Structures are given as structure tokens and as C-alpha cells.
Amino acid sequence: MSSIFFTPLIQKINMPIADKAGVKIYILRLDLMHPQINGNKWFKLKYNLVEAKQRNLSTILTFGGAYSNHIYATAAAGNIFGFRTIGVIRGEENIPLNPTLQFAVTQGMELVYIDRQTYKQRHTEELQNQLKQRFGKVFIIPEGGCNLNGMRGCIEILETIKDFNTVCLACGTGTTLAGITLSLNQPQKVIGFPVLKGGDFLNQDINNLLRNYLNSDLPTPVNSPAHWELICNYHFGGYAQVKDELKLFCDNFEQQHHIPLDYIYTGKMFYGVMDLIKEGFFKSESLLLIHTGGLQGNSGFR
């Protein structure tokens, strides 16, 4: 499956504020792995698709919002690897479709809309059984690929990359952060920047993921996670909330470094890192910032 993906490169950038603080900044360009299934999305999908094939299930059903990177990537992966895909979308249908959902349809994904109250039950056995009765034998991937298969894939993101003090990334469900903590050496640490308002709840979700994974039979390079923490002050009002200050930062960053940032995830993390460098939070260390892709979401704001 992995043969169609490019090996992600690590790109060093130079910034006066970082040089002054003795901080070296490197970016892991997961956004360049594939034109459609890029960033952390592939890693979270990989072992879910493997399990679906092992169970002889040819239909993938998953969940997401109208601008979901996960929906976008799952539709593309289904088209490439020969799966029928069904996307259960939060909220009402809007015509014409936005670019994310239009792309999903062109990849062959069937879209099913459910109201927001019902969508909150997406993790329950009751709703999932209703969907199975409606669509037959389906392999269900949780929203954002947030399960142990997704975490297993995320462990592989940094499996050959070790020479950094601190790894920084944006967090939605916390799956990627949880996986990365199981691929690092103990002196290293991971800092997650939740993109949802009130992101402190992710502390418990990540702890649950780590506990469940370590209690499973799935492979892990280490027996205990590296140190990790969440910094929850850079959500800019909440998920999919984009303020002019953030857009200006992302646009200026692209002009200066020729690296595009998405407004919903990576842009918020990059903004947070630069702000913390100014405040003296990081000193004399090397940072690896993970670009988790998702650039397609910017089209909805433009």
C-alpha cells in the first residue's frame, strides 16, 4: 500500500526570533507525501484499510464534518485501493457542495447527512448497528481515524527520526500525539496544540488511547510513552474558527518560507510555537514541527 507515497522530507527554516533564542526549527513535511492522502491522514487510515481487507470487507464507512480532511482522504484512499466508501456527514446537505464534499463525491464516496444531535451518537453501538442494517457489511472507521489502528499507524511517523528535543503538532482527536509518544526515546517530549476550544479534555482521551494500546497485542517500539503535554491557548476561538490574525500569519509564513499552512490545524500550531519562542518558552533546543497536511480545507475559507 505504501508504494504510492513519497518519503516525507525534513526542512529547516531560519527565523530571527528562533536564532536569538538558540532554537533550531525543522518541519516534517507530511503534506508532501501524496496529493490527496497526505499528512497524518494516511497513517491513521493505513491499518484500518489493512484490517478491512483481512476481514474481506469491501465497504468503508466513516464520519466527519463538511470540511473534514478525514472524509477527503478516506474518499481518495477508497478510490485508489478499491473500497466502496460511505461518509456520514454532520449537519444538513448544502447545494452546491463545498470543495471537500464535491471531491469526495468525485472519488466515489456516498454521502449521508445526519442531524447534529444524532451525530453525537456516532460512537454508540445503537447508531452503528442502524448504519450496518442500512448499508450491510461495512468496516467502520471512527471520525478522524481515532482508534488503535490509527494510533498504530501514527507510531510509524517518527520511527526513523530521533534527533530532536521536542516534537510539536496540532491535535484534533489526540490520536497522532498518542502514537508519536510511543515512538520516541524518554528524554524527548511531545507538545500538542489542540485546535478545539477547551482542549484540556484531550488529556483524558490521550491517556485512554495510550492505556488501551499498551494493553493490546499491537506492536510498539517502547513500553511507556515519552513525556507529553498540551498547550490549549492557540485554538483561535475553536475548531474551524479562523481569525484574520491567523490568516495573516499563515499567508506571511508561506511568502517567507514557501511552505503553505492550513488554517484549521497546522497554522494554529505554528503560530503557537512562534509565540512561545518570543515568550522564552523554548530555549537552546531543536524543534520538529509536524506538518499534518489538510491544505484542502483552506479552500472553504477563501
Protein backbone atom coordinates (compact mmCIF):
# COMPACT_ATOMS: atom_id res chain seq x y z
CA MET A 1 0.00 0.00 0.00
CA SER A 2 2.78 2.43 0.87
CA SER A 3 4.45 2.32 -2.54
CA ILE A 4 2.48 5.29 -3.92
CA PHE A 5 3.68 7.66 -1.17
CA PHE A 6 6.77 9.84 -1.09
CA THR A 7 9.08 9.65 1.90
CA PRO A 8 8.44 12.90 3.82
CA LEU A 9 11.32 15.34 3.88
CA ILE A 10 12.56 17.38 6.82
CA GLN A 11 13.01 21.04 6.03
CA LYS A 12 14.96 23.51 8.20
CA ILE A 13 13.76 27.08 8.38
CA ASN A 14 15.60 30.13 9.68
CA MET A 15 13.83 32.82 11.68
CA PRO A 16 15.45 35.70 13.59
CA ILE A 17 13.39 35.11 16.73
CA ALA A 18 14.42 31.45 16.80
CA ASP A 19 18.09 32.23 16.16
CA LYS A 20 18.04 34.74 19.02
CA ALA A 21 16.66 32.08 21.39
CA GLY A 22 19.09 29.42 20.17
CA VAL A 23 16.19 27.36 18.82
CA LYS A 24 16.53 25.30 15.67
CA ILE A 25 13.30 24.72 13.75
CA TYR A 26 12.72 21.77 11.44
CA ILE A 27 9.48 20.85 9.68
CA LEU A 28 8.42 17.33 8.82
CA ARG A 29 6.56 17.80 5.53
CA LEU A 30 3.90 15.11 5.72
CA ASP A 31 1.85 17.38 3.45
CA LEU A 32 4.06 16.34 0.52
CA MET A 33 3.58 12.58 0.85
CA HIS A 34 0.69 12.36 -1.58
CA PRO A 35 -1.50 14.93 -3.38
CA GLN A 36 -4.71 13.66 -1.75
CA ILE A 37 -3.96 11.26 1.13
CA ASN A 38 -1.30 13.30 2.88
CA GLY A 39 -0.32 14.42 6.33
CA ASN A 40 -1.22 12.22 9.27
CA LYS A 41 -4.37 11.05 7.46
CA TRP A 42 -2.60 8.19 5.67
CA PHE A 43 -1.01 6.91 8.85
CA LYS A 44 -4.41 6.82 10.58
CA LEU A 45 -6.06 5.08 7.64
CA LYS A 46 -3.36 2.55 6.78
CA TYR A 47 -4.02 -0.23 9.29
CA ASN A 48 -7.76 0.32 9.19
CA LEU A 49 -7.68 -0.47 5.48
CA VAL A 50 -5.42 -3.46 6.12
CA GLU A 51 -7.86 -4.86 8.68
CA ALA A 52 -10.81 -4.28 6.36
CA LYS A 53 -9.08 -6.30 3.64
CA GLN A 54 -8.17 -9.04 6.11
CA ARG A 55 -11.83 -9.29 7.10
CA ASN A 56 -12.93 -9.31 3.44
CA LEU A 57 -14.96 -6.15 3.88
CA SER A 58 -15.08 -4.00 0.77
CA THR A 59 -17.03 -1.02 2.14
CA ILE A 60 -15.60 1.64 4.44
CA LEU A 61 -17.98 3.82 6.45
CA THR A 62 -16.69 6.79 8.40
CA PHE A 63 -17.75 10.12 9.90
CA GLY A 64 -16.82 13.78 9.53
CA GLY A 65 -17.90 17.37 9.13
CA ALA A 66 -18.49 19.17 5.87
CA TYR A 67 -14.84 20.29 5.61
CA SER A 68 -13.28 17.14 7.08
CA ASN A 69 -9.76 16.26 5.99
CA HIS A 70 -10.51 12.71 7.09
CA ILE A 71 -13.53 12.45 4.77
CA TYR A 72 -11.43 13.85 1.91
CA ALA A 73 -8.57 11.40 2.49
CA THR A 74 -10.83 8.38 3.06
CA ALA A 75 -12.67 9.02 -0.19
CA ALA A 76 -9.37 9.23 -2.08
CA ALA A 77 -7.97 6.12 -0.39
CA GLY A 78 -11.13 4.17 -1.16
CA ASN A 79 -10.90 5.10 -4.82
CA ILE A 80 -7.20 4.18 -5.02
CA PHE A 81 -7.35 0.91 -3.09
CA GLY A 82 -10.69 -0.38 -4.35
CA PHE A 83 -13.06 0.23 -1.44
CA ARG A 84 -16.59 1.49 -1.62
CA THR A 85 -16.79 4.46 0.78
CA ILE A 86 -19.66 5.99 2.73
CA GLY A 87 -19.25 9.30 4.52
CA VAL A 88 -21.68 10.12 7.32
CA ILE A 89 -21.66 13.93 7.39
CA ARG A 90 -22.59 16.09 10.36
CA GLY A 91 -25.41 18.52 9.58
CA GLU A 92 -27.69 19.22 6.68
CA GLU A 93 -26.89 18.96 2.99
CA ASN A 94 -25.96 22.21 1.27
CA ILE A 95 -26.11 22.56 -2.51
CA PRO A 96 -23.83 23.25 -4.26
CA LEU A 97 -21.40 21.04 -2.40
CA ASN A 98 -18.31 22.66 -0.93
CA PRO A 99 -14.94 21.66 -2.46
CA THR A 100 -14.24 18.99 0.18
CA LEU A 101 -17.52 17.14 -0.29
CA GLN A 102 -17.50 17.63 -4.07
CA PHE A 103 -14.09 15.96 -4.19
CA ALA A 104 -15.36 13.09 -2.03
CA VAL A 105 -18.22 12.51 -4.44
CA THR A 106 -15.89 12.53 -7.46
CA GLN A 107 -13.87 9.81 -5.71
CA GLY A 108 -17.00 7.67 -5.45
CA MET A 109 -17.97 8.33 -1.84
CA GLU A 110 -21.66 8.14 -0.96
CA LEU A 111 -22.61 10.98 1.37
CA VAL A 112 -25.19 10.51 4.13
CA TYR A 113 -26.29 13.51 6.20
CA ILE A 114 -27.47 13.25 9.79
CA ASP A 115 -28.54 15.99 12.18
CA ARG A 116 -26.05 17.23 14.73
CA GLN A 117 -27.83 15.69 17.70
CA THR A 118 -27.80 12.24 16.12
CA TYR A 119 -24.19 12.74 15.05
CA LYS A 120 -23.19 12.98 18.71
CA GLN A 121 -24.19 9.30 19.00
CA ARG A 122 -21.73 8.22 16.29
CA HIS A 123 -19.66 6.18 18.77
CA THR A 124 -22.63 4.26 20.13
CA GLU A 125 -23.39 0.67 19.25
CA GLU A 126 -27.03 1.60 18.61
CA LEU A 127 -26.30 4.09 15.81
CA GLN A 128 -23.57 1.94 14.30
CA ASN A 129 -25.94 -1.06 14.19
CA GLN A 130 -28.54 1.11 12.44
CA LEU A 131 -25.96 2.05 9.83
CA LYS A 132 -24.95 -1.59 9.37
CA GLN A 133 -28.58 -2.56 8.87
CA ARG A 134 -28.94 0.16 6.26
CA PHE A 135 -25.67 -0.41 4.35
CA GLY A 136 -24.86 -4.05 5.02
CA LYS A 137 -21.41 -5.32 5.91
CA VAL A 138 -19.26 -2.25 6.41
CA PHE A 139 -15.95 -1.59 8.13
CA ILE A 140 -16.44 1.42 10.39
CA ILE A 141 -13.57 3.86 10.93
CA PRO A 142 -14.23 6.42 13.69
CA GLU A 143 -14.15 10.13 12.97
CA GLY A 144 -10.58 11.25 12.33
CA GLY A 145 -9.30 7.66 12.33
CA CYS A 146 -9.32 7.74 16.13
CA ASN A 147 -8.82 4.10 17.10
CA LEU A 148 -5.97 1.71 17.86
CA ASN A 149 -5.36 1.04 14.16
CA GLY A 150 -4.98 4.78 13.64
CA MET A 151 -2.63 5.03 16.58
CA ARG A 152 -0.57 2.11 15.29
CA GLY A 153 -0.02 3.93 12.02
CA CYS A 154 0.96 7.15 13.81
CA ILE A 155 3.69 5.31 15.71
CA GLU A 156 5.40 4.95 12.33
CA ILE A 157 5.54 8.69 11.60
CA LEU A 158 8.79 9.19 13.51
CA GLU A 159 10.13 5.65 13.61
CA THR A 160 13.37 6.65 11.83
CA ILE A 161 13.57 10.24 13.12
CA LYS A 162 15.22 10.66 16.52
CA ASP A 163 17.45 13.76 16.65
CA PHE A 164 15.10 16.34 18.18
CA ASN A 165 14.45 17.54 21.71
CA THR A 166 10.80 18.40 21.21
CA VAL A 167 8.13 17.43 18.69
CA CYS A 168 5.20 19.82 18.16
CA LEU A 169 1.93 19.11 16.39
CA ALA A 170 -1.69 20.21 16.17
CA CYS A 171 -4.27 18.00 17.89
CA GLY A 172 -7.83 17.15 16.91
CA THR A 173 -8.59 13.77 18.48
CA GLY A 174 -5.14 13.24 20.02
CA THR A 175 -4.54 10.01 18.08
CA THR A 176 -1.42 11.24 16.31
CA LEU A 177 0.12 12.60 19.50
CA ALA A 178 -0.57 9.34 21.34
CA GLY A 179 1.12 7.31 18.60
CA ILE A 180 4.15 9.58 18.46
CA THR A 181 4.76 9.30 22.21
CA LEU A 182 5.26 5.56 21.69
CA SER A 183 7.96 6.09 19.07
CA LEU A 184 10.31 8.42 20.96
CA ASN A 185 13.09 7.99 23.48
CA GLN A 186 12.35 9.04 27.05
CA PRO A 187 14.39 12.30 27.07
CA GLN A 188 12.34 13.59 24.15
CA LYS A 189 8.95 15.18 24.62
CA VAL A 190 5.84 15.95 22.57
CA ILE A 191 3.77 19.12 22.76
CA GLY A 192 0.27 19.10 21.31
CA PHE A 193 -1.71 22.20 20.37
CA PRO A 194 -5.47 21.39 20.49
CA VAL A 195 -7.46 23.17 17.81
CA LEU A 196 -10.72 22.85 19.74
CA LYS A 197 -11.76 25.31 22.41
CA GLY A 198 -11.42 23.78 25.85
CA GLY A 199 -8.93 21.22 24.57
CA ASP A 200 -7.99 20.08 28.07
CA PHE A 201 -10.43 17.19 27.67
CA LEU A 202 -7.91 15.61 25.31
CA ASN A 203 -5.66 14.79 28.27
CA GLN A 204 -8.07 12.06 29.31
CA ASP A 205 -8.71 10.90 25.74
CA ILE A 206 -4.98 10.54 25.07
CA ASN A 207 -4.42 8.70 28.34
CA ASN A 208 -7.23 6.30 27.39
CA LEU A 209 -5.73 5.70 23.96
CA LEU A 210 -2.30 5.00 25.44
CA ARG A 211 -3.66 2.66 28.09
CA ASN A 212 -5.79 0.72 25.62
CA TYR A 213 -2.96 0.44 23.11
CA LEU A 214 -0.41 -0.76 25.66
CA ASN A 215 -2.93 -3.32 26.92
CA SER A 216 -3.48 -4.63 23.38
CA ASP A 217 -1.38 -7.07 21.37
CA LEU A 218 -0.42 -4.43 18.81
CA PRO A 219 3.30 -3.77 18.26
CA THR A 220 5.04 -0.87 19.98
CA PRO A 221 8.72 0.20 19.90
CA VAL A 222 8.65 1.25 23.58
CA ASN A 223 6.84 0.08 26.70
CA SER A 224 5.95 3.52 28.04
CA PRO A 225 5.20 6.84 26.34
CA ALA A 226 7.58 9.76 26.19
CA HIS A 227 6.66 12.87 28.14
CA TRP A 228 3.86 14.85 26.53
CA GLU A 229 1.77 17.89 27.30
CA LEU A 230 -0.95 20.02 25.77
CA ILE A 231 -0.91 23.79 25.29
CA CYS A 232 -4.51 24.89 24.81
CA ASN A 233 -4.20 28.65 24.25
CA TYR A 234 -3.98 28.75 20.46
CA HIS A 235 -7.36 27.50 19.23
CA PHE A 236 -8.39 30.99 17.94
CA GLY A 237 -11.96 30.51 19.13
CA GLY A 238 -12.42 26.81 18.44
CA TYR A 239 -12.45 24.22 15.69
CA ALA A 240 -12.73 25.70 12.20
CA GLN A 241 -12.63 29.21 13.72
CA VAL A 242 -10.21 31.33 11.75
CA LYS A 243 -9.39 34.91 12.65
CA ASP A 244 -7.71 37.48 10.43
CA GLU A 245 -4.63 37.41 12.65
CA LEU A 246 -4.16 33.70 11.98
CA LYS A 247 -4.79 34.00 8.25
CA LEU A 248 -2.27 36.83 8.02
CA PHE A 249 0.30 34.77 9.91
CA CYS A 250 -0.19 31.75 7.63
CA ASP A 251 -0.07 33.83 4.47
CA ASN A 252 3.09 35.66 5.59
CA PHE A 253 4.73 32.38 6.61
CA GLU A 254 4.08 30.94 3.16
CA GLN A 255 5.50 34.02 1.47
CA GLN A 256 8.66 33.93 3.57
CA HIS A 257 9.35 30.18 3.65
CA HIS A 258 7.36 28.82 0.68
CA ILE A 259 5.53 26.40 2.99
CA PRO A 260 1.72 26.59 2.93
CA LEU A 261 -0.10 26.12 6.24
CA ASP A 262 -3.71 25.15 6.76
CA TYR A 263 -5.83 27.47 8.89
CA ILE A 264 -7.60 24.80 10.95
CA TYR A 265 -4.72 22.68 12.26
CA THR A 266 -1.08 23.27 11.39
CA GLY A 267 -1.33 27.05 11.14
CA LYS A 268 -2.52 27.30 14.75
CA MET A 269 0.33 25.11 15.97
CA PHE A 270 2.96 27.08 14.03
CA TYR A 271 1.54 30.34 15.40
CA GLY A 272 1.68 28.93 18.91
CA VAL A 273 5.28 27.76 18.57
CA MET A 274 6.46 31.12 17.27
CA ASP A 275 4.62 32.94 20.04
CA LEU A 276 6.14 30.68 22.69
CA ILE A 277 9.63 31.25 21.28
CA LYS A 278 9.06 35.00 21.69
CA GLU A 279 8.00 34.42 25.29
CA GLY A 280 11.13 32.38 26.06
CA PHE A 281 9.31 29.06 26.48
CA PHE A 282 11.77 27.32 24.15
CA LYS A 283 15.48 27.93 24.65
CA SER A 284 18.54 26.31 23.05
CA GLU A 285 16.80 23.25 21.67
CA SER A 286 15.82 21.67 18.38
CA LEU A 287 12.14 21.55 17.50
CA LEU A 288 10.47 19.27 14.97
CA LEU A 289 7.16 20.70 13.81
CA ILE A 290 4.92 18.16 12.10
CA HIS A 291 3.02 19.49 9.09
CA THR A 292 -0.06 17.27 9.17
CA GLY A 293 -1.42 18.33 5.78
CA GLY A 294 -5.05 19.33 5.42
CA LEU A 295 -4.37 22.16 2.99
CA GLN A 296 -7.53 21.35 1.06
CA GLY A 297 -9.55 22.85 3.93
CA ASN A 298 -8.29 26.35 3.15
CA SER A 299 -10.42 26.50 0.02
CA GLY A 300 -13.54 26.72 2.15
CA PHE A 301 -12.31 29.93 3.78
CA ARG A 302 -11.12 31.52 0.59
